Amino acid sequence: MSDDVILSVRGLRKSYASGTEALKPIDLDIKRGEIFALLGPNGAGKTTLISIICGIVTPSGGEVLVDGQDWRTHFRHARREIGLVPQELTMDVFEPLLNTVSFSRELFGYPADPKRIEEILRSLSLWDKRKAILKELSGGMKRRVMIAKALAHEPKILFLDEPTAGVDVELRRDMWNLVRKLRDQGTTIILTTHYIEEAEEMADRVGVINKGELILVENKDELMKKLGRKVLHLQLVEPLAAVPASLAEWSPSLDADGSVLTYEFDAKAERTGIASLLAAMRDAGIAFKDLDTKESSLEDIFVELIDHKRQETAA
């Protein structure tokens, strides 16, 4: 395990007595100080994976090294190094905010540190709410409190399981800013999400999980560069019944009413083929009145990966 790796997963899997394989053997290294987004649809195995790493669910096999130490034989070390913000909000209690966050720190055997707790609450814009009863807080505020509780014992690794599920757009942006600030302060962040834009906005690296299998781990920018495509839409003056044979070389497609011709190309390629396609259209007497290009998003890439994996399995 190299020095730049803070969390190493090897052959981690989970099967149930019913025969259901919730998690296929997974190998994964998380680097210090990165934001790693684990992306996948609901039921893909995201929560199962982090629940095993956090010691909540027992695996069927495999190992985890937390900062170089086995998470089973050195479980106290692992628990201190890891903070978890679960997806479910379980905070309908009649307890002041300050008390519950302070108690979370002491649960891990750390001495009381009012100054540190104040710093955490201020960083989450919770200090003014410190005397508020948890049950009376909004859903967004409760989620911030859960992050404060997870940070109370100063973990090096923070897991956020669907951190913005069910929150409004404004609060989601606030959460993204908070995650970046935590990373800048040295915390390694692993977040699970099915919001594609969340991974695209924040992550340094992206892992894609589907049906319990980790099908890809890639630097986000490299992933976008390798798989990101651009699409050219040409609004035709006159609809076409079919794509003419003279344009077959570019493999364009027509929309249902034949009025839009679509051509997909690699924007990074030396020759995109656009100039030659337009010349061929001119020669064929096909005129267009408007055009626009759209770059593939991480969502397009994600769907492409899942479809490709599905086709591989079927074959």
C-alpha atoms as a PDB file:
ATOM      1  CA  MET A   1       0.000   0.000   0.000  1.00  0.00           C
ATOM      2  CA  SER A   2       1.704   3.187  -1.194  1.00  0.00           C
ATOM      3  CA  ASP A   3       1.911   6.327   0.941  1.00  0.00           C
ATOM      4  CA  ASP A   4      -0.541   8.246  -1.259  1.00  0.00           C
ATOM      5  CA  VAL A   5      -3.252   5.597  -0.706  1.00  0.00           C
ATOM      6  CA  ILE A   6      -5.289   6.034   2.485  1.00  0.00           C
ATOM      7  CA  LEU A   7      -7.880   3.303   1.874  1.00  0.00           C
ATOM      8  CA  SER A   8      -7.289   0.010   0.073  1.00  0.00           C
ATOM      9  CA  VAL A   9     -10.014  -2.534  -0.694  1.00  0.00           C
ATOM     10  CA  ARG A  10      -9.126  -6.030  -1.913  1.00  0.00           C
ATOM     11  CA  GLY A  11     -11.566  -8.720  -3.049  1.00  0.00           C
ATOM     12  CA  LEU A  12     -14.387  -7.302  -0.968  1.00  0.00           C
ATOM     13  CA  ARG A  13     -17.652  -9.154  -1.618  1.00  0.00           C
ATOM     14  CA  LYS A  14     -21.053  -9.765  -0.074  1.00  0.00           C
ATOM     15  CA  SER A  15     -23.442 -12.676  -0.666  1.00  0.00           C
ATOM     16  CA  TYR A  16     -26.590 -13.616   1.219  1.00  0.00           C
ATOM     17  CA  ALA A  17     -27.925 -17.044   2.157  1.00  0.00           C
ATOM     18  CA  SER A  18     -30.587 -16.661  -0.540  1.00  0.00           C
ATOM     19  CA  GLY A  19     -27.800 -16.695  -3.119  1.00  0.00           C
ATOM     20  CA  THR A  20     -28.078 -12.986  -3.897  1.00  0.00           C
ATOM     21  CA  GLU A  21     -24.674 -11.525  -4.717  1.00  0.00           C
ATOM     22  CA  ALA A  22     -24.969  -7.952  -3.462  1.00  0.00           C
ATOM     23  CA  LEU A  23     -21.308  -7.172  -4.054  1.00  0.00           C
ATOM     24  CA  LYS A  24     -18.978  -8.927  -6.468  1.00  0.00           C
ATOM     25  CA  PRO A  25     -15.235  -8.970  -5.564  1.00  0.00           C
ATOM     26  CA  ILE A  26     -14.089  -5.355  -5.572  1.00  0.00           C
ATOM     27  CA  ASP A  27     -10.556  -3.926  -5.632  1.00  0.00           C
ATOM     28  CA  LEU A  28     -10.254  -0.199  -5.053  1.00  0.00           C
ATOM     29  CA  ASP A  29      -7.633   2.268  -3.813  1.00  0.00           C
ATOM     30  CA  ILE A  30      -8.607   5.708  -2.509  1.00  0.00           C
ATOM     31  CA  LYS A  31      -5.925   8.411  -2.577  1.00  0.00           C
ATOM     32  CA  ARG A  32      -5.239  10.839   0.237  1.00  0.00           C
ATOM     33  CA  GLY A  33      -7.046  14.139  -0.075  1.00  0.00           C
ATOM     34  CA  GLU A  34      -9.163  13.249  -3.084  1.00  0.00           C
ATOM     35  CA  ILE A  35     -12.890  13.442  -3.688  1.00  0.00           C
ATOM     36  CA  PHE A  36     -13.956  10.059  -5.028  1.00  0.00           C
ATOM     37  CA  ALA A  37     -17.487   9.687  -6.369  1.00  0.00           C
ATOM     38  CA  LEU A  38     -19.027   6.225  -6.439  1.00  0.00           C
ATOM     39  CA  LEU A  39     -21.683   6.481  -9.094  1.00  0.00           C
ATOM     40  CA  GLY A  40     -24.488   4.042  -9.748  1.00  0.00           C
ATOM     41  CA  PRO A  41     -28.258   3.589  -9.927  1.00  0.00           C
ATOM     42  CA  ASN A  42     -30.308   2.796  -6.821  1.00  0.00           C
ATOM     43  CA  GLY A  43     -29.631  -0.779  -5.700  1.00  0.00           C
ATOM     44  CA  ALA A  44     -26.253  -0.952  -7.474  1.00  0.00           C
ATOM     45  CA  GLY A  45     -24.324  -1.805  -4.278  1.00  0.00           C
ATOM     46  CA  LYS A  46     -23.012   1.630  -3.270  1.00  0.00           C
ATOM     47  CA  THR A  47     -24.378   1.598   0.275  1.00  0.00           C
ATOM     48  CA  THR A  48     -23.428  -2.065   0.770  1.00  0.00           C
ATOM     49  CA  LEU A  49     -19.810  -1.291  -0.116  1.00  0.00           C
ATOM     50  CA  ILE A  50     -19.426   1.655   2.236  1.00  0.00           C
ATOM     51  CA  SER A  51     -21.366  -0.111   5.016  1.00  0.00           C
ATOM     52  CA  ILE A  52     -18.831  -2.955   4.904  1.00  0.00           C
ATOM     53  CA  ILE A  53     -15.876  -0.559   4.942  1.00  0.00           C
ATOM     54  CA  CYS A  54     -17.421   1.331   7.880  1.00  0.00           C
ATOM     55  CA  GLY A  55     -17.951  -1.892   9.850  1.00  0.00           C
ATOM     56  CA  ILE A  56     -21.758  -1.880   9.723  1.00  0.00           C
ATOM     57  CA  VAL A  57     -22.184  -4.893   7.421  1.00  0.00           C
ATOM     58  CA  THR A  58     -20.126  -8.092   7.598  1.00  0.00           C
ATOM     59  CA  PRO A  59     -18.503  -9.040   4.270  1.00  0.00           C
ATOM     60  CA  SER A  60     -18.456 -12.537   2.790  1.00  0.00           C
ATOM     61  CA  GLY A  61     -14.789 -12.121   1.909  1.00  0.00           C
ATOM     62  CA  GLY A  62     -11.971  -9.689   1.212  1.00  0.00           C
ATOM     63  CA  GLU A  63     -10.053  -7.119   3.236  1.00  0.00           C
ATOM     64  CA  VAL A  64      -9.784  -3.402   3.822  1.00  0.00           C
ATOM     65  CA  LEU A  65      -6.665  -1.477   4.855  1.00  0.00           C
ATOM     66  CA  VAL A  66      -7.297   1.860   6.528  1.00  0.00           C
ATOM     67  CA  ASP A  67      -4.142   3.977   6.392  1.00  0.00           C
ATOM     68  CA  GLY A  68      -2.127   0.767   6.106  1.00  0.00           C
ATOM     69  CA  GLN A  69      -3.822  -1.209   8.883  1.00  0.00           C
ATOM     70  CA  ASP A  70      -6.329  -4.050   8.568  1.00  0.00           C
ATOM     71  CA  TRP A  71      -9.789  -2.781   9.509  1.00  0.00           C
ATOM     72  CA  ARG A  72     -10.650  -5.941  11.434  1.00  0.00           C
ATOM     73  CA  THR A  73      -7.543  -6.512  13.541  1.00  0.00           C
ATOM     74  CA  HIS A  74      -7.171  -2.761  14.132  1.00  0.00           C
ATOM     75  CA  PHE A  75     -10.859  -1.886  14.305  1.00  0.00           C
ATOM     76  CA  ARG A  76     -10.420   0.943  16.836  1.00  0.00           C
ATOM     77  CA  HIS A  77      -7.921   2.615  14.518  1.00  0.00           C
ATOM     78  CA  ALA A  78     -10.288   2.152  11.556  1.00  0.00           C
ATOM     79  CA  ARG A  79     -13.262   3.617  13.434  1.00  0.00           C
ATOM     80  CA  ARG A  80     -11.261   6.671  14.445  1.00  0.00           C
ATOM     81  CA  GLU A  81      -9.998   7.281  10.919  1.00  0.00           C
ATOM     82  CA  ILE A  82     -13.437   6.990   9.286  1.00  0.00           C
ATOM     83  CA  GLY A  83     -16.488   9.226   9.534  1.00  0.00           C
ATOM     84  CA  LEU A  84     -19.825   8.273   7.988  1.00  0.00           C
ATOM     85  CA  VAL A  85     -22.794  10.403   7.047  1.00  0.00           C
ATOM     86  CA  PRO A  86     -25.539   7.865   6.250  1.00  0.00           C
ATOM     87  CA  GLN A  87     -28.274   8.418   3.721  1.00  0.00           C
ATOM     88  CA  GLU A  88     -31.132   8.114   6.202  1.00  0.00           C
ATOM     89  CA  LEU A  89     -31.860  10.988   8.576  1.00  0.00           C
ATOM     90  CA  THR A  90     -32.327   9.522  12.072  1.00  0.00           C
ATOM     91  CA  MET A  91     -32.492  12.626  14.204  1.00  0.00           C
ATOM     92  CA  ASP A  92     -36.023  12.962  15.554  1.00  0.00           C
ATOM     93  CA  VAL A  93     -34.792  13.426  19.117  1.00  0.00           C
ATOM     94  CA  PHE A  94     -35.362  16.092  21.777  1.00  0.00           C
ATOM     95  CA  GLU A  95     -31.684  16.922  22.174  1.00  0.00           C
ATOM     96  CA  PRO A  96     -29.877  20.233  21.613  1.00  0.00           C
ATOM     97  CA  LEU A  97     -27.635  20.264  18.554  1.00  0.00           C
ATOM     98  CA  LEU A  98     -24.479  21.179  20.503  1.00  0.00           C
ATOM     99  CA  ASN A  99     -24.934  18.286  22.932  1.00  0.00           C
ATOM    100  CA  THR A 100     -25.343  15.615  20.292  1.00  0.00           C
ATOM    101  CA  VAL A 101     -22.304  16.726  18.280  1.00  0.00           C
ATOM    102  CA  SER A 102     -20.139  16.956  21.410  1.00  0.00           C
ATOM    103  CA  PHE A 103     -21.313  13.504  22.506  1.00  0.00           C
ATOM    104  CA  SER A 104     -20.333  12.046  19.119  1.00  0.00           C
ATOM    105  CA  ARG A 105     -16.734  13.112  19.750  1.00  0.00           C
ATOM    106  CA  GLU A 106     -16.648  11.569  23.213  1.00  0.00           C
ATOM    107  CA  LEU A 107     -18.087   8.289  21.870  1.00  0.00           C
ATOM    108  CA  PHE A 108     -14.758   7.729  20.103  1.00  0.00           C
ATOM    109  CA  GLY A 109     -12.782   8.229  23.301  1.00  0.00           C
ATOM    110  CA  TYR A 110     -11.673  11.760  22.564  1.00  0.00           C
ATOM    111  CA  PRO A 111     -11.647  14.335  25.374  1.00  0.00           C
ATOM    112  CA  ALA A 112     -14.180  17.140  25.187  1.00  0.00           C
ATOM    113  CA  ASP A 113     -12.997  19.990  22.970  1.00  0.00           C
ATOM    114  CA  PRO A 114     -15.541  22.837  22.896  1.00  0.00           C
ATOM    115  CA  LYS A 115     -13.302  24.956  20.658  1.00  0.00           C
ATOM    116  CA  ARG A 116     -13.045  22.243  17.999  1.00  0.00           C
ATOM    117  CA  ILE A 117     -16.796  21.587  18.119  1.00  0.00           C
ATOM    118  CA  GLU A 118     -17.430  25.310  17.671  1.00  0.00           C
ATOM    119  CA  GLU A 119     -15.117  25.366  14.632  1.00  0.00           C
ATOM    120  CA  ILE A 120     -17.008  22.472  13.053  1.00  0.00           C
ATOM    121  CA  LEU A 121     -20.413  24.019  13.721  1.00  0.00           C
ATOM    122  CA  ARG A 122     -19.320  27.398  12.377  1.00  0.00           C
ATOM    123  CA  SER A 123     -17.906  25.801   9.214  1.00  0.00           C
ATOM    124  CA  LEU A 124     -21.315  24.196   8.630  1.00  0.00           C
ATOM    125  CA  SER A 125     -23.253  27.404   9.453  1.00  0.00           C
ATOM    126  CA  LEU A 126     -24.735  25.655  12.503  1.00  0.00           C
ATOM    127  CA  TRP A 127     -23.302  27.685  15.358  1.00  0.00           C
ATOM    128  CA  ASP A 128     -26.347  29.951  15.573  1.00  0.00           C
ATOM    129  CA  LYS A 129     -28.503  26.794  15.856  1.00  0.00           C
ATOM    130  CA  ARG A 130     -26.400  25.166  18.594  1.00  0.00           C
ATOM    131  CA  LYS A 131     -29.184  25.344  21.187  1.00  0.00           C
ATOM    132  CA  ALA A 132     -31.911  24.195  18.787  1.00  0.00           C
ATOM    133  CA  ILE A 133     -33.662  20.879  19.403  1.00  0.00           C
ATOM    134  CA  LEU A 134     -32.802  18.400  16.640  1.00  0.00           C
ATOM    135  CA  LYS A 135     -36.391  17.364  16.059  1.00  0.00           C
ATOM    136  CA  GLU A 136     -37.299  20.954  15.183  1.00  0.00           C
ATOM    137  CA  LEU A 137     -34.654  21.373  12.462  1.00  0.00           C
ATOM    138  CA  SER A 138     -35.344  21.239   8.720  1.00  0.00           C
ATOM    139  CA  GLY A 139     -34.181  18.277   6.656  1.00  0.00           C
ATOM    140  CA  GLY A 140     -31.282  20.281   5.222  1.00  0.00           C
ATOM    141  CA  MET A 141     -30.136  21.377   8.672  1.00  0.00           C
ATOM    142  CA  LYS A 142     -30.383  17.813   9.978  1.00  0.00           C
ATOM    143  CA  ARG A 143     -28.097  16.670   7.179  1.00  0.00           C
ATOM    144  CA  ARG A 144     -25.561  19.340   8.165  1.00  0.00           C
ATOM    145  CA  VAL A 145     -25.766  18.129  11.774  1.00  0.00           C
ATOM    146  CA  MET A 146     -25.050  14.579  10.628  1.00  0.00           C
ATOM    147  CA  ILE A 147     -21.918  15.830   8.877  1.00  0.00           C
ATOM    148  CA  ALA A 148     -20.922  17.686  12.058  1.00  0.00           C
ATOM    149  CA  LYS A 149     -21.395  14.477  14.085  1.00  0.00           C
ATOM    150  CA  ALA A 150     -19.247  12.549  11.594  1.00  0.00           C
ATOM    151  CA  LEU A 151     -16.514  15.198  11.779  1.00  0.00           C
ATOM    152  CA  ALA A 152     -16.560  15.540  15.568  1.00  0.00           C
ATOM    153  CA  HIS A 153     -13.792  12.953  16.072  1.00  0.00           C
ATOM    154  CA  GLU A 154     -11.671  14.477  13.259  1.00  0.00           C
ATOM    155  CA  PRO A 155     -11.584  11.506  10.857  1.00  0.00           C
ATOM    156  CA  LYS A 156      -9.170  11.445   7.925  1.00  0.00           C
ATOM    157  CA  ILE A 157     -11.737   9.734   5.686  1.00  0.00           C
ATOM    158  CA  LEU A 158     -15.335  10.891   5.352  1.00  0.00           C
ATOM    159  CA  PHE A 159     -18.038   8.814   3.662  1.00  0.00           C
ATOM    160  CA  LEU A 160     -21.085  10.681   2.411  1.00  0.00           C
ATOM    161  CA  ASP A 161     -23.877   8.341   1.344  1.00  0.00           C
ATOM    162  CA  GLU A 162     -26.150  10.239  -1.066  1.00  0.00           C
ATOM    163  CA  PRO A 163     -25.397  13.537   0.726  1.00  0.00           C
ATOM    164  CA  THR A 164     -27.855  15.659  -1.231  1.00  0.00           C
ATOM    165  CA  ALA A 165     -30.717  13.186  -1.600  1.00  0.00           C
ATOM    166  CA  GLY A 166     -33.988  15.012  -1.051  1.00  0.00           C
ATOM    167  CA  VAL A 167     -32.488  18.498  -0.632  1.00  0.00           C
ATOM    168  CA  ASP A 168     -33.222  21.515  -2.798  1.00  0.00           C
ATOM    169  CA  VAL A 169     -30.875  22.874  -5.459  1.00  0.00           C
ATOM    170  CA  GLU A 170     -29.608  25.764  -3.322  1.00  0.00           C
ATOM    171  CA  LEU A 171     -28.697  23.506  -0.413  1.00  0.00           C
ATOM    172  CA  ARG A 172     -27.078  21.050  -2.825  1.00  0.00           C
ATOM    173  CA  ARG A 173     -24.745  23.816  -4.003  1.00  0.00           C
ATOM    174  CA  ASP A 174     -23.943  24.674  -0.378  1.00  0.00           C
ATOM    175  CA  MET A 175     -23.126  21.022   0.279  1.00  0.00           C
ATOM    176  CA  TRP A 176     -20.821  20.881  -2.726  1.00  0.00           C
ATOM    177  CA  ASN A 177     -18.942  23.939  -1.461  1.00  0.00           C
ATOM    178  CA  LEU A 178     -18.693  22.365   1.988  1.00  0.00           C
ATOM    179  CA  VAL A 179     -17.274  19.118   0.595  1.00  0.00           C
ATOM    180  CA  ARG A 180     -14.604  21.041  -1.309  1.00  0.00           C
ATOM    181  CA  LYS A 181     -13.710  22.974   1.839  1.00  0.00           C
ATOM    182  CA  LEU A 182     -13.336  19.717   3.801  1.00  0.00           C
ATOM    183  CA  ARG A 183     -11.071  18.324   1.091  1.00  0.00           C
ATOM    184  CA  ASP A 184      -8.974  21.513   1.174  1.00  0.00           C
ATOM    185  CA  GLN A 185      -8.582  20.982   4.926  1.00  0.00           C
ATOM    186  CA  GLY A 186      -7.075  17.532   4.252  1.00  0.00           C
ATOM    187  CA  THR A 187     -10.089  15.210   4.568  1.00  0.00           C
ATOM    188  CA  THR A 188     -10.424  12.430   2.016  1.00  0.00           C
ATOM    189  CA  ILE A 189     -14.021  12.341   0.746  1.00  0.00           C
ATOM    190  CA  ILE A 190     -15.849   9.329  -0.680  1.00  0.00           C
ATOM    191  CA  LEU A 191     -19.381  10.087  -1.753  1.00  0.00           C
ATOM    192  CA  THR A 192     -21.996   7.838  -3.256  1.00  0.00           C
ATOM    193  CA  THR A 193     -24.515   9.410  -5.557  1.00  0.00           C
ATOM    194  CA  HIS A 194     -26.919   8.776  -8.382  1.00  0.00           C
ATOM    195  CA  TYR A 195     -26.892  12.475  -9.269  1.00  0.00           C
ATOM    196  CA  ILE A 196     -24.578  12.556 -12.280  1.00  0.00           C
ATOM    197  CA  GLU A 197     -24.028  16.313 -11.975  1.00  0.00           C
ATOM    198  CA  GLU A 198     -22.780  15.834  -8.412  1.00  0.00           C
ATOM    199  CA  ALA A 199     -19.926  13.611  -9.592  1.00  0.00           C
ATOM    200  CA  GLU A 200     -19.257  15.839 -12.586  1.00  0.00           C
ATOM    201  CA  GLU A 201     -19.120  18.958 -10.418  1.00  0.00           C
ATOM    202  CA  MET A 202     -16.973  17.726  -7.545  1.00  0.00           C
ATOM    203  CA  ALA A 203     -15.103  14.479  -8.078  1.00  0.00           C
ATOM    204  CA  ASP A 204     -11.414  14.050  -8.809  1.00  0.00           C
ATOM    205  CA  ARG A 205     -12.060  10.414  -9.743  1.00  0.00           C
ATOM    206  CA  VAL A 206     -15.213   8.483 -10.541  1.00  0.00           C
ATOM    207  CA  GLY A 207     -16.058   4.846  -9.908  1.00  0.00           C
ATOM    208  CA  VAL A 208     -19.071   3.330 -11.657  1.00  0.00           C
ATOM    209  CA  ILE A 209     -20.841   0.457  -9.896  1.00  0.00           C
ATOM    210  CA  ASN A 210     -23.732  -1.555 -11.297  1.00  0.00           C
ATOM    211  CA  LYS A 211     -25.366  -4.738  -9.989  1.00  0.00           C
ATOM    212  CA  GLY A 212     -22.660  -5.112  -7.339  1.00  0.00           C
ATOM    213  CA  GLU A 213     -19.784  -4.872  -9.804  1.00  0.00           C
ATOM    214  CA  LEU A 214     -17.280  -2.025 -10.027  1.00  0.00           C
ATOM    215  CA  ILE A 215     -17.124  -1.658 -13.793  1.00  0.00           C
ATOM    216  CA  LEU A 216     -14.831   1.355 -14.049  1.00  0.00           C
ATOM    217  CA  VAL A 217     -12.573   3.626 -11.997  1.00  0.00           C
ATOM    218  CA  GLU A 218     -11.169   6.612 -13.824  1.00  0.00           C
ATOM    219  CA  ASN A 219      -9.892  10.139 -13.362  1.00  0.00           C
ATOM    220  CA  LYS A 220     -12.950  12.263 -14.108  1.00  0.00           C
ATOM    221  CA  ASP A 221     -11.234  14.534 -16.620  1.00  0.00           C
ATOM    222  CA  GLU A 222      -9.617  11.574 -18.391  1.00  0.00           C
ATOM    223  CA  LEU A 223     -12.957   9.785 -18.485  1.00  0.00           C
ATOM    224  CA  MET A 224     -14.623  12.797 -20.061  1.00  0.00           C
ATOM    225  CA  LYS A 225     -11.744  13.109 -22.524  1.00  0.00           C
ATOM    226  CA  LYS A 226     -11.747   9.437 -23.544  1.00  0.00           C
ATOM    227  CA  LEU A 227     -15.464   8.786 -23.679  1.00  0.00           C
ATOM    228  CA  GLY A 228     -16.884  12.273 -24.089  1.00  0.00           C
ATOM    229  CA  ARG A 229     -18.231  12.821 -27.580  1.00  0.00           C
ATOM    230  CA  LYS A 230     -19.719  15.769 -29.368  1.00  0.00           C
ATOM    231  CA  VAL A 231     -22.892  15.661 -31.386  1.00  0.00           C
ATOM    232  CA  LEU A 232     -23.625  17.938 -34.336  1.00  0.00           C
ATOM    233  CA  HIS A 233     -27.312  18.648 -35.029  1.00  0.00           C
ATOM    234  CA  LEU A 234     -28.185  20.008 -38.486  1.00  0.00           C
ATOM    235  CA  GLN A 235     -31.667  21.484 -38.901  1.00  0.00           C
ATOM    236  CA  LEU A 236     -32.560  20.718 -42.525  1.00  0.00           C
ATOM    237  CA  VAL A 237     -34.413  23.073 -44.857  1.00  0.00           C
ATOM    238  CA  GLU A 238     -36.314  20.154 -46.397  1.00  0.00           C
ATOM    239  CA  PRO A 239     -37.006  16.871 -44.498  1.00  0.00           C
ATOM    240  CA  LEU A 240     -35.386  13.662 -45.761  1.00  0.00           C
ATOM    241  CA  ALA A 241     -37.105  10.304 -46.001  1.00  0.00           C
ATOM    242  CA  ALA A 242     -33.799   8.514 -45.356  1.00  0.00           C
ATOM    243  CA  VAL A 243     -30.070   9.204 -45.078  1.00  0.00           C
ATOM    244  CA  PRO A 244     -28.658   9.328 -48.652  1.00  0.00           C
ATOM    245  CA  ALA A 245     -26.054   6.698 -49.576  1.00  0.00           C
ATOM    246  CA  SER A 246     -23.617   9.517 -50.341  1.00  0.00           C
ATOM    247  CA  LEU A 247     -23.498  10.366 -46.606  1.00  0.00           C
ATOM    248  CA  ALA A 248     -23.093   6.776 -45.359  1.00  0.00           C
ATOM    249  CA  GLU A 249     -19.369   7.305 -44.707  1.00  0.00           C
ATOM    250  CA  TRP A 250     -20.207   9.581 -41.742  1.00  0.00           C
ATOM    251  CA  SER A 251     -23.008   7.347 -40.345  1.00  0.00           C
ATOM    252  CA  PRO A 252     -25.372  10.226 -39.535  1.00  0.00           C
ATOM    253  CA  SER A 253     -28.878   9.598 -38.217  1.00  0.00           C
ATOM    254  CA  LEU A 254     -32.229  11.233 -38.856  1.00  0.00           C
ATOM    255  CA  ASP A 255     -34.854  12.137 -36.308  1.00  0.00           C
ATOM    256  CA  ALA A 256     -38.394  10.733 -36.604  1.00  0.00           C
ATOM    257  CA  ASP A 257     -39.704  13.402 -38.985  1.00  0.00           C
ATOM    258  CA  GLY A 258     -36.510  13.604 -41.051  1.00  0.00           C
ATOM    259  CA  SER A 259     -35.879  17.269 -40.322  1.00  0.00           C
ATOM    260  CA  VAL A 260     -32.748  16.941 -38.134  1.00  0.00           C
ATOM    261  CA  LEU A 261     -29.561  15.173 -39.192  1.00  0.00           C
ATOM    262  CA  THR A 262     -27.309  14.137 -36.305  1.00  0.00           C
ATOM    263  CA  TYR A 263     -23.587  13.403 -36.606  1.00  0.00           C
ATOM    264  CA  GLU A 264     -21.472  12.183 -33.676  1.00  0.00           C
ATOM    265  CA  PHE A 265     -17.757  12.971 -33.689  1.00  0.00           C
ATOM    266  CA  ASP A 266     -14.640  13.018 -31.533  1.00  0.00           C
ATOM    267  CA  ALA A 267     -13.872  16.655 -30.748  1.00  0.00           C
ATOM    268  CA  LYS A 268     -10.259  15.781 -29.866  1.00  0.00           C
ATOM    269  CA  ALA A 269      -9.554  14.044 -33.186  1.00  0.00           C
ATOM    270  CA  GLU A 270      -7.258  15.689 -35.725  1.00  0.00           C
ATOM    271  CA  ARG A 271     -10.048  15.479 -38.303  1.00  0.00           C
ATOM    272  CA  THR A 272     -13.619  15.653 -37.007  1.00  0.00           C
ATOM    273  CA  GLY A 273     -15.159  14.932 -40.394  1.00  0.00           C
ATOM    274  CA  ILE A 274     -17.493  17.919 -40.154  1.00  0.00           C
ATOM    275  CA  ALA A 275     -16.034  19.835 -43.115  1.00  0.00           C
ATOM    276  CA  SER A 276     -16.181  16.806 -45.414  1.00  0.00           C
ATOM    277  CA  LEU A 277     -19.736  15.970 -44.270  1.00  0.00           C
ATOM    278  CA  LEU A 278     -20.941  19.506 -45.013  1.00  0.00           C
ATOM    279  CA  ALA A 279     -19.236  19.368 -48.422  1.00  0.00           C
ATOM    280  CA  ALA A 280     -20.948  16.042 -49.194  1.00  0.00           C
ATOM    281  CA  MET A 281     -24.301  17.494 -48.131  1.00  0.00           C
ATOM    282  CA  ARG A 282     -23.763  20.486 -50.433  1.00  0.00           C
ATOM    283  CA  ASP A 283     -22.897  18.161 -53.331  1.00  0.00           C
ATOM    284  CA  ALA A 284     -26.051  16.136 -52.624  1.00  0.00           C
ATOM    285  CA  GLY A 285     -28.169  19.303 -52.614  1.00  0.00           C
ATOM    286  CA  ILE A 286     -29.080  18.974 -48.915  1.00  0.00           C
ATOM    287  CA  ALA A 287     -29.367  22.397 -47.312  1.00  0.00           C
ATOM    288  CA  PHE A 288     -29.541  23.181 -43.605  1.00  0.00           C
ATOM    289  CA  LYS A 289     -30.829  26.296 -41.884  1.00  0.00           C
ATOM    290  CA  ASP A 290     -29.261  25.901 -38.442  1.00  0.00           C
ATOM    291  CA  LEU A 291     -26.716  23.815 -36.571  1.00  0.00           C
ATOM    292  CA  ASP A 292     -25.535  23.298 -33.009  1.00  0.00           C
ATOM    293  CA  THR A 293     -23.161  21.013 -31.133  1.00  0.00           C
ATOM    294  CA  LYS A 294     -23.599  19.320 -27.772  1.00  0.00           C
ATOM    295  CA  GLU A 295     -20.838  17.688 -25.747  1.00  0.00           C
ATOM    296  CA  SER A 296     -21.527  14.412 -23.967  1.00  0.00           C
ATOM    297  CA  SER A 297     -22.088  14.786 -20.247  1.00  0.00           C
ATOM    298  CA  LEU A 298     -21.007  12.330 -17.582  1.00  0.00           C
ATOM    299  CA  GLU A 299     -24.606  11.093 -17.685  1.00  0.00           C
ATOM    300  CA  ASP A 300     -24.253  10.136 -21.356  1.00  0.00           C
ATOM    301  CA  ILE A 301     -20.995   8.342 -20.538  1.00  0.00           C
ATOM    302  CA  PHE A 302     -22.578   6.545 -17.587  1.00  0.00           C
ATOM    303  CA  VAL A 303     -25.489   5.287 -19.682  1.00  0.00           C
ATOM    304  CA  GLU A 304     -23.040   4.197 -22.390  1.00  0.00           C
ATOM    305  CA  LEU A 305     -20.973   2.222 -19.872  1.00  0.00           C
ATOM    306  CA  ILE A 306     -24.005   0.485 -18.373  1.00  0.00           C
ATOM    307  CA  ASP A 307     -25.352  -0.395 -21.830  1.00  0.00           C
ATOM    308  CA  HIS A 308     -21.959  -1.722 -22.921  1.00  0.00           C
ATOM    309  CA  LYS A 309     -21.704  -3.889 -19.808  1.00  0.00           C
ATOM    310  CA  ARG A 310     -25.259  -5.182 -20.352  1.00  0.00           C
ATOM    311  CA  GLN A 311     -24.395  -6.172 -23.929  1.00  0.00           C
ATOM    312  CA  GLU A 312     -21.214  -7.926 -22.757  1.00  0.00           C
ATOM    313  CA  THR A 313     -23.200  -9.928 -20.201  1.00  0.00           C
ATOM    314  CA  ALA A 314     -25.839 -10.872 -22.765  1.00  0.00           C
ATOM    315  CA  ALA A 315     -23.139 -12.082 -25.163  1.00  0.00           C
END
